[in-house]
């Protein structure tokens, strides 16, 4: 299950595998609401 989307509507989304963006997300540097939630 963790390797498949529960909602099949997400299957069509393109997957961005940019390591720079992934590292920024891991470090909480994307200036998004998700970053704020990860820090708290």
PDB file of N, CA and C in Angstrom:
ATOM      1  N   UNK A   1       0.813  -1.191   0.000  1.00  0.00           N
ATOM      2  CA  UNK A   1       0.000   0.000   0.000  1.00  0.00           C
ATOM      3  C   UNK A   1       0.863   1.266   0.000  1.00  0.00           C
ATOM      4  N   UNK A   2       1.981   1.276   0.717  1.00  0.00           N
ATOM      5  CA  UNK A   2       2.758   2.499   0.779  1.00  0.00           C
ATOM      6  C   UNK A   2       3.472   2.836  -0.514  1.00  0.00           C
ATOM      7  N   UNK A   3       3.388   1.959  -1.493  1.00  0.00           N
ATOM      8  CA  UNK A   3       4.020   2.225  -2.776  1.00  0.00           C
ATOM      9  C   UNK A   3       3.013   2.565  -3.869  1.00  0.00           C
ATOM     10  N   UNK A   4       1.744   2.586  -3.509  1.00  0.00           N
ATOM     11  CA  UNK A   4       0.687   2.901  -4.464  1.00  0.00           C
ATOM     12  C   UNK A   4      -0.191   4.004  -3.894  1.00  0.00           C
ATOM     13  N   UNK A   5      -0.726   4.846  -4.767  1.00  0.00           N
ATOM     14  CA  UNK A   5      -1.637   5.892  -4.331  1.00  0.00           C
ATOM     15  C   UNK A   5      -2.991   5.294  -3.982  1.00  0.00           C
ATOM     16  N   UNK A   6      -3.539   5.704  -2.856  1.00  0.00           N
ATOM     17  CA  UNK A   6      -4.884   5.271  -2.491  1.00  0.00           C
ATOM     18  C   UNK A   6      -5.881   5.906  -3.451  1.00  0.00           C
ATOM     19  N   UNK A   7      -5.661   7.182  -3.756  1.00  0.00           N
ATOM     20  CA  UNK A   7      -6.505   7.899  -4.709  1.00  0.00           C
ATOM     21  C   UNK A   7      -5.833   7.816  -6.078  1.00  0.00           C
ATOM     22  N   UNK A   8      -6.423   7.113  -7.003  1.00  0.00           N
ATOM     23  CA  UNK A   8      -5.831   6.897  -8.335  1.00  0.00           C
ATOM     24  C   UNK A   8      -5.667   8.192  -9.127  1.00  0.00           C
ATOM     25  N   UNK A   9      -6.311   9.268  -8.705  1.00  0.00           N
ATOM     26  CA  UNK A   9      -6.160  10.553  -9.366  1.00  0.00           C
ATOM     27  C   UNK A   9      -4.731  11.071  -9.289  1.00  0.00           C
ATOM     28  N   UNK A  10      -3.967  10.620  -8.289  1.00  0.00           N
ATOM     29  CA  UNK A  10      -2.580  11.051  -8.133  1.00  0.00           C
ATOM     30  C   UNK A  10      -1.609  10.289  -9.037  1.00  0.00           C
ATOM     31  N   UNK A  11      -2.051   9.216  -9.637  1.00  0.00           N
ATOM     32  CA  UNK A  11      -1.176   8.417 -10.510  1.00  0.00           C
ATOM     33  C   UNK A  11      -0.672   9.207 -11.713  1.00  0.00           C
ATOM     34  N   UNK A  12      -1.443  10.160 -12.171  1.00  0.00           N
ATOM     35  CA  UNK A  12      -1.084  10.923 -13.373  1.00  0.00           C
ATOM     36  C   UNK A  12      -0.100  12.068 -13.086  1.00  0.00           C
ATOM     37  N   UNK A  13       0.140  12.376 -11.816  1.00  0.00           N
ATOM     38  CA  UNK A  13       1.056  13.457 -11.486  1.00  0.00           C
ATOM     39  C   UNK A  13       2.494  13.085 -11.850  1.00  0.00           C
ATOM     40  N   UNK A  14       3.209  14.057 -12.396  1.00  0.00           N
ATOM     41  CA  UNK A  14       4.615  13.829 -12.707  1.00  0.00           C
ATOM     42  C   UNK A  14       5.418  13.843 -11.420  1.00  0.00           C
ATOM     43  N   UNK A  15       6.410  12.978 -11.342  1.00  0.00           N
ATOM     44  CA  UNK A  15       7.254  12.919 -10.163  1.00  0.00           C
ATOM     45  C   UNK A  15       8.535  13.689 -10.428  1.00  0.00           C
ATOM     46  N   UNK A  16       8.776  14.696  -9.616  1.00  0.00           N
ATOM     47  CA  UNK A  16       9.974  15.515  -9.739  1.00  0.00           C
ATOM     48  C   UNK A  16      11.058  14.905  -8.858  1.00  0.00           C
ATOM     49  N   UNK A  17      12.164  14.497  -9.449  1.00  0.00           N
ATOM     50  CA  UNK A  17      13.232  13.864  -8.691  1.00  0.00           C
ATOM     51  C   UNK A  17      14.474  14.759  -8.634  1.00  0.00           C
ATOM     52  N   UNK A  18      14.255  16.056  -8.488  1.00  0.00           N
ATOM     53  CA  UNK A  18      15.343  17.017  -8.389  1.00  0.00           C
ATOM     54  C   UNK A  18      15.941  16.927  -6.982  1.00  0.00           C
ATOM     55  N   UNK A  19      17.189  16.500  -6.865  1.00  0.00           N
ATOM     56  CA  UNK A  19      17.802  16.294  -5.557  1.00  0.00           C
ATOM     57  C   UNK A  19      17.950  17.610  -4.790  1.00  0.00           C
ATOM     58  N   UNK A  20      18.144  18.728  -5.488  1.00  0.00           N
ATOM     59  CA  UNK A  20      18.250  20.031  -4.828  1.00  0.00           C
ATOM     60  C   UNK A  20      16.949  20.367  -4.101  1.00  0.00           C
ATOM     61  N   UNK A  21      15.824  20.167  -4.786  1.00  0.00           N
ATOM     62  CA  UNK A  21      14.524  20.454  -4.172  1.00  0.00           C
ATOM     63  C   UNK A  21      14.213  19.488  -3.036  1.00  0.00           C
ATOM     64  N   UNK A  22      14.584  18.242  -3.201  1.00  0.00           N
ATOM     65  CA  UNK A  22      14.357  17.253  -2.148  1.00  0.00           C
ATOM     66  C   UNK A  22      15.164  17.607  -0.901  1.00  0.00           C
ATOM     67  N   UNK A  23      16.422  17.996  -1.080  1.00  0.00           N
ATOM     68  CA  UNK A  23      17.253  18.387   0.058  1.00  0.00           C
ATOM     69  C   UNK A  23      16.694  19.635   0.742  1.00  0.00           C
ATOM     70  N   UNK A  24      16.214  20.596  -0.051  1.00  0.00           N
ATOM     71  CA  UNK A  24      15.619  21.809   0.519  1.00  0.00           C
ATOM     72  C   UNK A  24      14.392  21.446   1.348  1.00  0.00           C
ATOM     73  N   UNK A  25      13.588  20.520   0.861  1.00  0.00           N
ATOM     74  CA  UNK A  25      12.400  20.095   1.601  1.00  0.00           C
ATOM     75  C   UNK A  25      12.804  19.399   2.892  1.00  0.00           C
ATOM     76  N   UNK A  26      13.809  18.524   2.840  1.00  0.00           N
ATOM     77  CA  UNK A  26      14.263  17.807   4.031  1.00  0.00           C
ATOM     78  C   UNK A  26      14.778  18.769   5.103  1.00  0.00           C
ATOM     79  N   UNK A  27      15.369  19.874   4.674  1.00  0.00           N
ATOM     80  CA  UNK A  27      15.931  20.842   5.613  1.00  0.00           C
ATOM     81  C   UNK A  27      14.940  21.944   5.977  1.00  0.00           C
ATOM     82  N   UNK A  28      13.730  21.886   5.437  1.00  0.00           N
ATOM     83  CA  UNK A  28      12.705  22.878   5.753  1.00  0.00           C
ATOM     84  C   UNK A  28      12.985  24.235   5.153  1.00  0.00           C
ATOM     85  N   UNK A  29      13.496  24.265   3.910  1.00  0.00           N
ATOM     86  CA  UNK A  29      13.842  25.530   3.266  1.00  0.00           C
ATOM     87  C   UNK A  29      12.991  25.821   2.032  1.00  0.00           C
ATOM     88  N   UNK A  30      11.767  25.319   1.976  1.00  0.00           N
ATOM     89  CA  UNK A  30      10.941  25.568   0.798  1.00  0.00           C
ATOM     90  C   UNK A  30       9.896  26.659   1.034  1.00  0.00           C
ATOM     91  N   UNK A  31       9.894  27.228   2.229  1.00  0.00           N
ATOM     92  CA  UNK A  31       8.984  28.325   2.587  1.00  0.00           C
ATOM     93  C   UNK A  31       7.521  27.938   2.398  1.00  0.00           C
ATOM     94  N   UNK A  32       7.206  26.739   2.781  1.00  0.00           N
ATOM     95  CA  UNK A  32       5.816  26.287   2.639  1.00  0.00           C
ATOM     96  C   UNK A  32       5.206  25.993   4.004  1.00  0.00           C
ATOM     97  N   UNK A  33       3.920  25.820   4.020  1.00  0.00           N
ATOM     98  CA  UNK A  33       3.211  25.461   5.244  1.00  0.00           C
ATOM     99  C   UNK A  33       3.709  24.119   5.768  1.00  0.00           C
ATOM    100  N   UNK A  34       4.068  23.224   4.872  1.00  0.00           N
ATOM    101  CA  UNK A  34       4.571  21.913   5.278  1.00  0.00           C
ATOM    102  C   UNK A  34       5.855  22.078   6.086  1.00  0.00           C
ATOM    103  N   UNK A  35       6.744  22.975   5.645  1.00  0.00           N
ATOM    104  CA  UNK A  35       7.975  23.221   6.384  1.00  0.00           C
ATOM    105  C   UNK A  35       7.677  23.704   7.799  1.00  0.00           C
ATOM    106  N   UNK A  36       6.736  24.601   7.926  1.00  0.00           N
ATOM    107  CA  UNK A  36       6.384  25.133   9.235  1.00  0.00           C
ATOM    108  C   UNK A  36       5.859  24.018  10.139  1.00  0.00           C
ATOM    109  N   UNK A  37       5.079  23.131   9.585  1.00  0.00           N
ATOM    110  CA  UNK A  37       4.535  22.009  10.367  1.00  0.00           C
ATOM    111  C   UNK A  37       5.631  21.026  10.742  1.00  0.00           C
ATOM    112  N   UNK A  38       6.591  20.826   9.860  1.00  0.00           N
ATOM    113  CA  UNK A  38       7.689  19.892  10.153  1.00  0.00           C
ATOM    114  C   UNK A  38       8.575  20.433  11.278  1.00  0.00           C
ATOM    115  N   UNK A  39       8.719  21.751  11.363  1.00  0.00           N
ATOM    116  CA  UNK A  39       9.578  22.356  12.387  1.00  0.00           C
ATOM    117  C   UNK A  39       8.948  22.342  13.764  1.00  0.00           C
ATOM    118  N   UNK A  40       7.627  22.311  13.824  1.00  0.00           N
ATOM    119  CA  UNK A  40       6.991  22.399  15.141  1.00  0.00           C
ATOM    120  C   UNK A  40       6.842  21.056  15.805  1.00  0.00           C
TER     121      UNK A  40
END
